[in-house]
Each structure stands twice: as structure tokens, then as C-alpha cells.
Amino acid sequence: MQAVMASDFAISRFKHLKKLLLVHGHWCYARLAKMVIYFFYKNVS
């Protein structure tokens, strides 16, 4: 478990890499982009 303990993300099998990058990566990017806009709006108001 040394690699898992030192990593940012952990997966159990190499085949899960596709879902981690394409699905969760896309969702995370979209959420972060919307949250940045939301926080700018909140602080400006």
C-alpha cells in the first residue's frame, strides 16, 4: 500500500483509471468551475 499512501487518488485496479479520469475528472472540473463563479458572485455582492 505504499503507492496508495503517497498518492492523491487511489484505485483498486488499473481498469478503474478510465472511469476516474473521464467521469470523475470531468464532473470535478465542471463543479469547480461553477463554484469559482459562485464564490466570485457571492463575494462581489
All heavy atoms as atom14 arrays in JSON, in Angstrom:
{
  "sequence": "MQAVMASDFAISRFKHLKKLLLVHGHWCYARLAKMVIYFFYKNVS",
  "atom14_mask": [
    [1, 1, 1, 1, 1, 1, 1, 1, 0, 0, 0, 0, 0, 0],
    [1, 1, 1, 1, 1, 1, 1, 1, 1, 0, 0, 0, 0, 0],
    [1, 1, 1, 1, 1, 0, 0, 0, 0, 0, 0, 0, 0, 0],
    [1, 1, 1, 1, 1, 1, 1, 0, 0, 0, 0, 0, 0, 0],
    [1, 1, 1, 1, 1, 1, 1, 1, 0, 0, 0, 0, 0, 0],
    [1, 1, 1, 1, 1, 0, 0, 0, 0, 0, 0, 0, 0, 0],
    [1, 1, 1, 1, 1, 1, 0, 0, 0, 0, 0, 0, 0, 0],
    [1, 1, 1, 1, 1, 1, 1, 1, 0, 0, 0, 0, 0, 0],
    [1, 1, 1, 1, 1, 1, 1, 1, 1, 1, 1, 0, 0, 0],
    [1, 1, 1, 1, 1, 0, 0, 0, 0, 0, 0, 0, 0, 0],
    [1, 1, 1, 1, 1, 1, 1, 1, 0, 0, 0, 0, 0, 0],
    [1, 1, 1, 1, 1, 1, 0, 0, 0, 0, 0, 0, 0, 0],
    [1, 1, 1, 1, 1, 1, 1, 1, 1, 1, 1, 0, 0, 0],
    [1, 1, 1, 1, 1, 1, 1, 1, 1, 1, 1, 0, 0, 0],
    [1, 1, 1, 1, 1, 1, 1, 1, 1, 0, 0, 0, 0, 0],
    [1, 1, 1, 1, 1, 1, 1, 1, 1, 1, 0, 0, 0, 0],
    [1, 1, 1, 1, 1, 1, 1, 1, 0, 0, 0, 0, 0, 0],
    [1, 1, 1, 1, 1, 1, 1, 1, 1, 0, 0, 0, 0, 0],
    [1, 1, 1, 1, 1, 1, 1, 1, 1, 0, 0, 0, 0, 0],
    [1, 1, 1, 1, 1, 1, 1, 1, 0, 0, 0, 0, 0, 0],
    [1, 1, 1, 1, 1, 1, 1, 1, 0, 0, 0, 0, 0, 0],
    [1, 1, 1, 1, 1, 1, 1, 1, 0, 0, 0, 0, 0, 0],
    [1, 1, 1, 1, 1, 1, 1, 0, 0, 0, 0, 0, 0, 0],
    [1, 1, 1, 1, 1, 1, 1, 1, 1, 1, 0, 0, 0, 0],
    [1, 1, 1, 1, 0, 0, 0, 0, 0, 0, 0, 0, 0, 0],
    [1, 1, 1, 1, 1, 1, 1, 1, 1, 1, 0, 0, 0, 0],
    [1, 1, 1, 1, 1, 1, 1, 1, 1, 1, 1, 1, 1, 1],
    [1, 1, 1, 1, 1, 1, 0, 0, 0, 0, 0, 0, 0, 0],
    [1, 1, 1, 1, 1, 1, 1, 1, 1, 1, 1, 1, 0, 0],
    [1, 1, 1, 1, 1, 0, 0, 0, 0, 0, 0, 0, 0, 0],
    [1, 1, 1, 1, 1, 1, 1, 1, 1, 1, 1, 0, 0, 0],
    [1, 1, 1, 1, 1, 1, 1, 1, 0, 0, 0, 0, 0, 0],
    [1, 1, 1, 1, 1, 0, 0, 0, 0, 0, 0, 0, 0, 0],
    [1, 1, 1, 1, 1, 1, 1, 1, 1, 0, 0, 0, 0, 0],
    [1, 1, 1, 1, 1, 1, 1, 1, 0, 0, 0, 0, 0, 0],
    [1, 1, 1, 1, 1, 1, 1, 0, 0, 0, 0, 0, 0, 0],
    [1, 1, 1, 1, 1, 1, 1, 1, 0, 0, 0, 0, 0, 0],
    [1, 1, 1, 1, 1, 1, 1, 1, 1, 1, 1, 1, 0, 0],
    [1, 1, 1, 1, 1, 1, 1, 1, 1, 1, 1, 0, 0, 0],
    [1, 1, 1, 1, 1, 1, 1, 1, 1, 1, 1, 0, 0, 0],
    [1, 1, 1, 1, 1, 1, 1, 1, 1, 1, 1, 1, 0, 0],
    [1, 1, 1, 1, 1, 1, 1, 1, 1, 0, 0, 0, 0, 0],
    [1, 1, 1, 1, 1, 1, 1, 1, 0, 0, 0, 0, 0, 0],
    [1, 1, 1, 1, 1, 1, 1, 0, 0, 0, 0, 0, 0, 0],
    [1, 1, 1, 1, 1, 1, 0, 0, 0, 0, 0, 0, 0, 0]
  ],
  "atom14_positions": [
    [[0.8, -1.22, 0.0], [0.0, 0.0, 0.0], [0.84, 1.27, 0.0], [0.3, 2.35, 0.19], [-0.92, 0.01, 1.23], [-1.92, -1.12, 1.28], [-3.16, -0.98, 0.0], [-4.13, 0.35, 0.64], [0.0, 0.0, 0.0], [0.0, 0.0, 0.0], [0.0, 0.0, 0.0], [0.0, 0.0, 0.0], [0.0, 0.0, 0.0], [0.0, 0.0, 0.0]],
    [[2.15, 1.18, -0.23], [2.99, 2.37, -0.18], [2.62, 3.38, -1.25], [2.58, 4.58, -1.0], [4.47, 1.99, -0.31], [5.04, 1.28, 0.87], [4.86, -0.23, 0.76], [4.26, -0.73, -0.16], [5.38, -0.94, 1.74], [0.0, 0.0, 0.0], [0.0, 0.0, 0.0], [0.0, 0.0, 0.0], [0.0, 0.0, 0.0], [0.0, 0.0, 0.0]],
    [[2.33, 2.9, -2.46], [1.95, 3.81, -3.55], [0.63, 4.49, -3.26], [0.45, 5.67, -3.54], [1.88, 3.06, -4.87], [0.0, 0.0, 0.0], [0.0, 0.0, 0.0], [0.0, 0.0, 0.0], [0.0, 0.0, 0.0], [0.0, 0.0, 0.0], [0.0, 0.0, 0.0], [0.0, 0.0, 0.0], [0.0, 0.0, 0.0], [0.0, 0.0, 0.0]],
    [[-0.3, 3.75, -2.68], [-1.61, 4.32, -2.34], [-1.47, 5.38, -1.27], [-2.11, 6.44, -1.33], [-2.57, 3.19, -1.89], [-3.85, 3.76, -1.33], [-2.87, 2.27, -3.05], [0.0, 0.0, 0.0], [0.0, 0.0, 0.0], [0.0, 0.0, 0.0], [0.0, 0.0, 0.0], [0.0, 0.0, 0.0], [0.0, 0.0, 0.0], [0.0, 0.0, 0.0]],
    [[-0.62, 5.13, -0.28], [-0.43, 6.08, 0.81], [0.22, 7.38, 0.33], [0.0, 8.43, 0.9], [0.4, 5.46, 1.92], [-0.24, 4.23, 2.55], [-1.83, 4.58, 3.29], [-1.31, 5.36, 4.78], [0.0, 0.0, 0.0], [0.0, 0.0, 0.0], [0.0, 0.0, 0.0], [0.0, 0.0, 0.0], [0.0, 0.0, 0.0], [0.0, 0.0, 0.0]],
    [[1.03, 7.32, -0.72], [1.74, 8.5, -1.22], [0.99, 9.22, -2.33], [1.41, 10.28, -2.77], [3.12, 8.1, -1.72], [0.0, 0.0, 0.0], [0.0, 0.0, 0.0], [0.0, 0.0, 0.0], [0.0, 0.0, 0.0], [0.0, 0.0, 0.0], [0.0, 0.0, 0.0], [0.0, 0.0, 0.0], [0.0, 0.0, 0.0], [0.0, 0.0, 0.0]],
    [[-0.14, 8.68, -2.78], [-0.82, 9.22, -3.96], [-1.92, 10.2, -3.6], [-2.36, 10.3, -2.45], [-1.4, 8.07, -4.78], [-2.41, 7.43, -4.05], [0.0, 0.0, 0.0], [0.0, 0.0, 0.0], [0.0, 0.0, 0.0], [0.0, 0.0, 0.0], [0.0, 0.0, 0.0], [0.0, 0.0, 0.0], [0.0, 0.0, 0.0], [0.0, 0.0, 0.0]],
    [[-2.38, 10.92, -4.62], [-3.51, 11.82, -4.47], [-4.83, 11.06, -4.59], [-5.81, 11.39, -3.93], [-3.46, 12.91, -5.54], [-2.22, 13.76, -5.44], [-1.85, 14.13, -4.31], [-1.59, 14.04, -6.48], [0.0, 0.0, 0.0], [0.0, 0.0, 0.0], [0.0, 0.0, 0.0], [0.0, 0.0, 0.0], [0.0, 0.0, 0.0], [0.0, 0.0, 0.0]],
    [[-4.86, 10.07, -5.47], [-6.04, 9.25, -5.7], [-5.62, 7.79, -5.64], [-4.52, 7.44, -6.04], [-6.67, 9.54, -7.07], [-7.13, 10.95, -7.23], [-6.36, 11.89, -7.86], [-8.37, 11.34, -6.73], [-6.78, 13.19, -8.0], [-8.79, 12.64, -6.86], [-8.0, 13.57, -7.5], [0.0, 0.0, 0.0], [0.0, 0.0, 0.0], [0.0, 0.0, 0.0]],
    [[-6.53, 6.95, -5.17], [-6.24, 5.53, -5.07], [-7.33, 4.75, -5.79], [-8.53, 5.06, -5.67], [-6.18, 5.09, -3.61], [0.0, 0.0, 0.0], [0.0, 0.0, 0.0], [0.0, 0.0, 0.0], [0.0, 0.0, 0.0], [0.0, 0.0, 0.0], [0.0, 0.0, 0.0], [0.0, 0.0, 0.0], [0.0, 0.0, 0.0], [0.0, 0.0, 0.0]],
    [[-6.92, 3.76, -6.55], [-7.85, 2.86, -7.22], [-7.43, 1.43, -6.92], [-6.27, 1.17, -6.59], [-7.91, 3.12, -8.75], [-6.53, 3.05, -9.38], [-8.57, 4.45, -9.04], [-6.53, 3.23, -10.89], [0.0, 0.0, 0.0], [0.0, 0.0, 0.0], [0.0, 0.0, 0.0], [0.0, 0.0, 0.0], [0.0, 0.0, 0.0], [0.0, 0.0, 0.0]],
    [[-8.37, 0.52, -7.04], [-8.06, -0.86, -6.69], [-7.51, -1.65, -7.88], [-6.76, -2.59, -7.7], [-9.3, -1.56, -6.14], [-10.34, -1.56, -7.1], [0.0, 0.0, 0.0], [0.0, 0.0, 0.0], [0.0, 0.0, 0.0], [0.0, 0.0, 0.0], [0.0, 0.0, 0.0], [0.0, 0.0, 0.0], [0.0, 0.0, 0.0], [0.0, 0.0, 0.0]],
    [[-7.89, -1.29, -9.08], [-7.42, -1.97, -10.29], [-7.1, -0.94, -11.35], [-7.68, 0.15, -11.38], [-8.49, -2.91, -10.83], [-8.93, -3.98, -9.9], [-8.13, -5.25, -10.13], [-8.58, -6.3, -9.26], [-7.96, -6.64, -8.14], [-6.9, -6.0, -7.74], [-8.42, -7.63, -7.4], [0.0, 0.0, 0.0], [0.0, 0.0, 0.0], [0.0, 0.0, 0.0]],
    [[-6.22, -1.29, -12.26], [-5.83, -0.37, -13.33], [-7.0, -0.06, -14.25], [-7.08, 1.02, -14.82], [-4.67, -0.98, -14.13], [-4.04, -0.01, -15.08], [-3.16, 0.96, -14.62], [-4.33, -0.05, -16.43], [-2.58, 1.86, -15.48], [-3.75, 0.85, -17.3], [-2.87, 1.8, -16.82], [0.0, 0.0, 0.0], [0.0, 0.0, 0.0], [0.0, 0.0, 0.0]],
    [[-7.95, -0.99, -14.37], [-9.09, -0.78, -15.27], [-10.0, 0.36, -14.78], [-10.78, 0.91, -15.56], [-9.89, -2.06, -15.44], [-10.6, -2.53, -14.18], [-11.37, -3.8, -14.45], [-12.11, -4.23, -13.19], [-12.92, -5.43, -13.43], [0.0, 0.0, 0.0], [0.0, 0.0, 0.0], [0.0, 0.0, 0.0], [0.0, 0.0, 0.0], [0.0, 0.0, 0.0]],
    [[-9.9, 0.75, -13.5], [-10.72, 1.84, -12.97], [-10.17, 3.22, -13.33], [-10.81, 4.23, -13.06], [-10.85, 1.72, -11.45], [-11.49, 0.45, -11.0], [-12.74, 0.05, -11.41], [-11.04, -0.53, -10.18], [-13.05, -1.1, -10.85], [-12.02, -1.48, -10.1], [0.0, 0.0, 0.0], [0.0, 0.0, 0.0], [0.0, 0.0, 0.0], [0.0, 0.0, 0.0]],
    [[-9.0, 3.26, -13.94], [-8.38, 4.54, -14.31], [-9.22, 5.3, -15.32], [-9.36, 6.51, -15.24], [-6.98, 4.3, -14.85], [-6.19, 5.52, -15.26], [-5.9, 6.38, -14.04], [-4.89, 5.11, -15.93], [0.0, 0.0, 0.0], [0.0, 0.0, 0.0], [0.0, 0.0, 0.0], [0.0, 0.0, 0.0], [0.0, 0.0, 0.0], [0.0, 0.0, 0.0]],
    [[-9.82, 4.59, -16.27], [-10.64, 5.23, -17.3], [-11.81, 5.98, -16.67], [-12.08, 7.13, -17.01], [-11.13, 4.17, -18.28], [-11.94, 4.71, -19.42], [-12.33, 3.58, -20.37], [-13.15, 4.11, -21.52], [-13.57, 3.02, -22.43], [0.0, 0.0, 0.0], [0.0, 0.0, 0.0], [0.0, 0.0, 0.0], [0.0, 0.0, 0.0], [0.0, 0.0, 0.0]],
    [[-12.5, 5.34, -15.73], [-13.65, 5.99, -15.08], [-13.2, 7.14, -14.2], [-13.84, 8.18, -14.13], [-14.44, 4.97, -14.27], [-15.73, 5.53, -13.73], [-16.6, 4.48, -13.1], [-17.91, 5.1, -12.65], [-18.77, 4.13, -12.0], [0.0, 0.0, 0.0], [0.0, 0.0, 0.0], [0.0, 0.0, 0.0], [0.0, 0.0, 0.0], [0.0, 0.0, 0.0]],
    [[-12.05, 6.98, -13.52], [-11.54, 8.05, -12.66], [-11.24, 9.3, -13.47], [-11.61, 10.41, -13.09], [-10.27, 7.58, -11.93], [-9.57, 8.64, -11.09], [-10.41, 8.99, -9.87], [-8.2, 8.15, -10.66], [0.0, 0.0, 0.0], [0.0, 0.0, 0.0], [0.0, 0.0, 0.0], [0.0, 0.0, 0.0], [0.0, 0.0, 0.0], [0.0, 0.0, 0.0]],
    [[-10.6, 9.13, -14.61], [-10.21, 10.29, -15.42], [-11.39, 10.87, -16.2], [-11.64, 12.07, -16.15], [-9.09, 9.91, -16.38], [-7.75, 9.58, -15.75], [-6.77, 9.15, -16.82], [-7.21, 10.75, -14.97], [0.0, 0.0, 0.0], [0.0, 0.0, 0.0], [0.0, 0.0, 0.0], [0.0, 0.0, 0.0], [0.0, 0.0, 0.0], [0.0, 0.0, 0.0]],
    [[-12.09, 10.02, -16.95], [-13.11, 10.53, -17.86], [-14.4, 10.94, -17.17], [-15.01, 11.94, -17.55], [-13.42, 9.47, -18.93], [-12.28, 9.14, -19.87], [-12.7, 8.07, -20.86], [-11.79, 10.37, -20.6], [0.0, 0.0, 0.0], [0.0, 0.0, 0.0], [0.0, 0.0, 0.0], [0.0, 0.0, 0.0], [0.0, 0.0, 0.0], [0.0, 0.0, 0.0]],
    [[-14.82, 10.22, -16.15], [-16.09, 10.53, -15.49], [-15.89, 11.47, -14.31], [-16.36, 12.6, -14.3], [-16.82, 9.23, -15.06], [-18.09, 9.57, -14.3], [-17.13, 8.37, -16.26], [0.0, 0.0, 0.0], [0.0, 0.0, 0.0], [0.0, 0.0, 0.0], [0.0, 0.0, 0.0], [0.0, 0.0, 0.0], [0.0, 0.0, 0.0], [0.0, 0.0, 0.0]],
    [[-15.15, 10.99, -13.31], [-14.99, 11.8, -12.1], [-14.13, 13.05, -12.36], [-14.36, 14.09, -11.75], [-14.39, 10.95, -10.98], [-15.3, 9.84, -10.57], [-16.44, 10.04, -9.84], [-15.23, 8.5, -10.8], [-17.05, 8.88, -9.64], [-16.34, 7.93, -10.2], [0.0, 0.0, 0.0], [0.0, 0.0, 0.0], [0.0, 0.0, 0.0], [0.0, 0.0, 0.0]],
    [[-13.18, 12.96, -13.25], [-12.39, 14.13, -13.61], [-13.22, 15.2, -14.28], [-13.11, 16.39, -13.97], [0.0, 0.0, 0.0], [0.0, 0.0, 0.0], [0.0, 0.0, 0.0], [0.0, 0.0, 0.0], [0.0, 0.0, 0.0], [0.0, 0.0, 0.0], [0.0, 0.0, 0.0], [0.0, 0.0, 0.0], [0.0, 0.0, 0.0], [0.0, 0.0, 0.0]],
    [[-14.11, 14.8, -15.19], [-14.99, 15.75, -15.87], [-15.97, 16.39, -14.88], [-16.15, 17.61, -14.9], [-15.77, 15.02, -16.99], [-16.77, 15.89, -17.67], [-16.44, 16.7, -18.73], [-18.09, 16.1, -17.44], [-17.51, 17.36, -19.13], [-18.52, 17.02, -18.36], [0.0, 0.0, 0.0], [0.0, 0.0, 0.0], [0.0, 0.0, 0.0], [0.0, 0.0, 0.0]],
    [[-16.57, 15.56, -14.03], [-17.52, 16.1, -13.05], [-16.83, 17.06, -12.09], [-17.36, 18.12, -11.77], [-18.17, 14.98, -12.27], [-19.21, 14.21, -13.02], [-19.84, 14.58, -14.18], [-19.74, 12.95, -12.67], [-20.72, 13.62, -14.57], [-20.69, 12.59, -13.66], [-19.51, 12.06, -11.64], [-21.4, 11.4, -13.62], [-20.22, 10.88, -11.6], [-21.15, 10.56, -12.58]],
    [[-15.66, 16.71, -11.63], [-14.93, 17.57, -10.69], [-14.57, 18.89, -11.34], [-14.7, 19.95, -10.73], [-13.69, 16.84, -10.19], [-12.76, 17.76, -8.97], [0.0, 0.0, 0.0], [0.0, 0.0, 0.0], [0.0, 0.0, 0.0], [0.0, 0.0, 0.0], [0.0, 0.0, 0.0], [0.0, 0.0, 0.0], [0.0, 0.0, 0.0], [0.0, 0.0, 0.0]],
    [[-14.11, 18.84, -12.59], [-13.74, 20.07, -13.29], [-14.96, 20.98, -13.47], [-14.88, 22.19, -13.25], [-13.12, 19.72, -14.64], [-12.57, 20.9, -15.37], [-11.31, 21.39, -15.05], [-13.29, 21.55, -16.35], [-10.8, 22.49, -15.7], [-12.78, 22.65, -17.0], [-11.54, 23.11, -16.67], [-11.04, 24.2, -17.31], [0.0, 0.0, 0.0], [0.0, 0.0, 0.0]],
    [[-16.08, 20.4, -13.86], [-17.3, 21.21, -14.07], [-17.77, 21.81, -12.75], [-18.17, 22.98, -12.7], [-18.39, 20.34, -14.69], [0.0, 0.0, 0.0], [0.0, 0.0, 0.0], [0.0, 0.0, 0.0], [0.0, 0.0, 0.0], [0.0, 0.0, 0.0], [0.0, 0.0, 0.0], [0.0, 0.0, 0.0], [0.0, 0.0, 0.0], [0.0, 0.0, 0.0]],
    [[-17.73, 21.03, -11.67], [-18.16, 21.54, -10.37], [-17.26, 22.67, -9.88], [-17.73, 23.68, -9.36], [-18.16, 20.42, -9.34], [-19.26, 19.41, -9.53], [-19.1, 18.26, -8.57], [-20.04, 17.21, -8.85], [-19.82, 15.94, -8.6], [-18.67, 15.57, -8.06], [-20.71, 15.04, -8.89], [0.0, 0.0, 0.0], [0.0, 0.0, 0.0], [0.0, 0.0, 0.0]],
    [[-15.96, 22.49, -10.03], [-15.03, 23.53, -9.58], [-15.2, 24.82, -10.37], [-15.13, 25.91, -9.82], [-13.59, 23.04, -9.69], [-13.16, 22.04, -8.61], [-11.76, 21.54, -8.9], [-13.21, 22.68, -7.25], [0.0, 0.0, 0.0], [0.0, 0.0, 0.0], [0.0, 0.0, 0.0], [0.0, 0.0, 0.0], [0.0, 0.0, 0.0], [0.0, 0.0, 0.0]],
    [[-15.43, 24.7, -11.67], [-15.63, 25.9, -12.49], [-16.88, 26.66, -12.04], [-16.87, 27.89, -11.93], [-15.74, 25.52, -13.96], [0.0, 0.0, 0.0], [0.0, 0.0, 0.0], [0.0, 0.0, 0.0], [0.0, 0.0, 0.0], [0.0, 0.0, 0.0], [0.0, 0.0, 0.0], [0.0, 0.0, 0.0], [0.0, 0.0, 0.0], [0.0, 0.0, 0.0]],
    [[-17.95, 25.93, -11.75], [-19.18, 26.59, -11.29], [-19.0, 27.18, -9.9], [-19.54, 28.25, -9.6], [-20.33, 25.6, -11.29], [-20.79, 25.23, -12.68], [-21.88, 24.21, -12.65], [-22.25, 23.79, -14.06], [-23.2, 22.68, -14.07], [0.0, 0.0, 0.0], [0.0, 0.0, 0.0], [0.0, 0.0, 0.0], [0.0, 0.0, 0.0], [0.0, 0.0, 0.0]],
    [[-18.25, 26.51, -9.05], [-18.05, 27.02, -7.69], [-17.2, 28.29, -7.68], [-17.44, 29.19, -6.88], [-17.39, 25.96, -6.81], [-18.23, 24.77, -6.5], [-19.77, 24.93, -5.58], [-20.49, 26.44, -5.77], [0.0, 0.0, 0.0], [0.0, 0.0, 0.0], [0.0, 0.0, 0.0], [0.0, 0.0, 0.0], [0.0, 0.0, 0.0], [0.0, 0.0, 0.0]],
    [[-16.22, 28.38, -8.56], [-15.41, 29.6, -8.63], [-16.3, 30.78, -9.03], [-16.23, 31.86, -8.43], [-14.25, 29.42, -9.63], [-13.6, 30.74, -9.97], [-13.21, 28.47, -9.05], [0.0, 0.0, 0.0], [0.0, 0.0, 0.0], [0.0, 0.0, 0.0], [0.0, 0.0, 0.0], [0.0, 0.0, 0.0], [0.0, 0.0, 0.0], [0.0, 0.0, 0.0]],
    [[-17.16, 30.57, -10.0], [-18.08, 31.64, -10.42], [-19.02, 32.0, -9.27], [-19.29, 33.17, -9.01], [-18.87, 31.2, -11.67], [-17.92, 31.1, -12.86], [-20.0, 32.16, -11.98], [-18.52, 30.47, -14.08], [0.0, 0.0, 0.0], [0.0, 0.0, 0.0], [0.0, 0.0, 0.0], [0.0, 0.0, 0.0], [0.0, 0.0, 0.0], [0.0, 0.0, 0.0]],
    [[-19.52, 30.99, -8.56], [-20.42, 31.24, -7.44], [-19.73, 32.06, -6.35], [-20.31, 33.01, -5.82], [-20.93, 29.92, -6.86], [-21.69, 30.1, -5.57], [-22.99, 30.59, -5.57], [-21.09, 29.82, -4.35], [-23.67, 30.79, -4.39], [-21.78, 30.01, -3.17], [-23.06, 30.5, -3.2], [-23.74, 30.7, -2.03], [0.0, 0.0, 0.0], [0.0, 0.0, 0.0]],
    [[-18.5, 31.7, -5.99], [-17.81, 32.43, -4.92], [-17.48, 33.86, -5.33], [-17.53, 34.76, -4.51], [-16.56, 31.67, -4.48], [-16.87, 30.51, -3.59], [-16.54, 29.23, -3.98], [-17.52, 30.69, -2.38], [-16.84, 28.16, -3.17], [-17.83, 29.62, -1.57], [-17.48, 28.35, -1.97], [0.0, 0.0, 0.0], [0.0, 0.0, 0.0], [0.0, 0.0, 0.0]],
    [[-17.14, 34.07, -6.61], [-16.93, 35.45, -7.07], [-18.22, 36.25, -6.93], [-18.23, 37.38, -6.46], [-16.44, 35.49, -8.51], [-14.97, 35.35, -8.64], [-14.42, 34.33, -9.39], [-14.11, 36.25, -8.02], [-13.05, 34.2, -9.51], [-12.75, 36.12, -8.13], [-12.22, 35.1, -8.88], [0.0, 0.0, 0.0], [0.0, 0.0, 0.0], [0.0, 0.0, 0.0]],
    [[-19.34, 35.67, -7.35], [-20.63, 36.35, -7.26], [-20.98, 36.66, -5.81], [-21.4, 37.77, -5.48], [-21.72, 35.49, -7.91], [-23.1, 35.99, -7.67], [-23.57, 37.11, -8.36], [-23.96, 35.38, -6.76], [-24.85, 37.59, -8.14], [-25.23, 35.85, -6.54], [-25.67, 36.97, -7.23], [-26.92, 37.45, -7.0], [0.0, 0.0, 0.0], [0.0, 0.0, 0.0]],
    [[-20.8, 35.69, -4.92], [-21.12, 35.88, -3.51], [-20.27, 36.99, -2.91], [-20.78, 37.88, -2.22], [-20.89, 34.58, -2.75], [-21.15, 34.7, -1.26], [-20.65, 33.49, -0.51], [-19.17, 33.56, -0.38], [-18.61, 33.46, 0.93], [0.0, 0.0, 0.0], [0.0, 0.0, 0.0], [0.0, 0.0, 0.0], [0.0, 0.0, 0.0], [0.0, 0.0, 0.0]],
    [[-18.99, 36.97, -3.15], [-18.1, 37.96, -2.55], [-18.3, 39.34, -3.16], [-18.22, 40.34, -2.45], [-16.65, 37.52, -2.69], [-16.33, 36.36, -1.77], [-16.9, 36.25, -0.69], [-15.46, 35.49, -2.2], [0.0, 0.0, 0.0], [0.0, 0.0, 0.0], [0.0, 0.0, 0.0], [0.0, 0.0, 0.0], [0.0, 0.0, 0.0], [0.0, 0.0, 0.0]],
    [[-18.57, 39.42, -4.46], [-18.82, 40.73, -5.09], [-20.1, 41.33, -4.52], [-20.14, 42.53, -4.21], [-18.89, 40.6, -6.62], [-19.53, 41.8, -7.26], [-17.51, 40.37, -7.19], [0.0, 0.0, 0.0], [0.0, 0.0, 0.0], [0.0, 0.0, 0.0], [0.0, 0.0, 0.0], [0.0, 0.0, 0.0], [0.0, 0.0, 0.0], [0.0, 0.0, 0.0]],
    [[-21.13, 40.52, -4.37], [-22.38, 41.08, -3.83], [-22.21, 41.51, -2.37], [-22.74, 42.54, -1.96], [-23.51, 40.05, -3.95], [-23.22, 38.91, -3.19], [0.0, 0.0, 0.0], [0.0, 0.0, 0.0], [0.0, 0.0, 0.0], [0.0, 0.0, 0.0], [0.0, 0.0, 0.0], [0.0, 0.0, 0.0], [0.0, 0.0, 0.0], [0.0, 0.0, 0.0]]
  ]
}
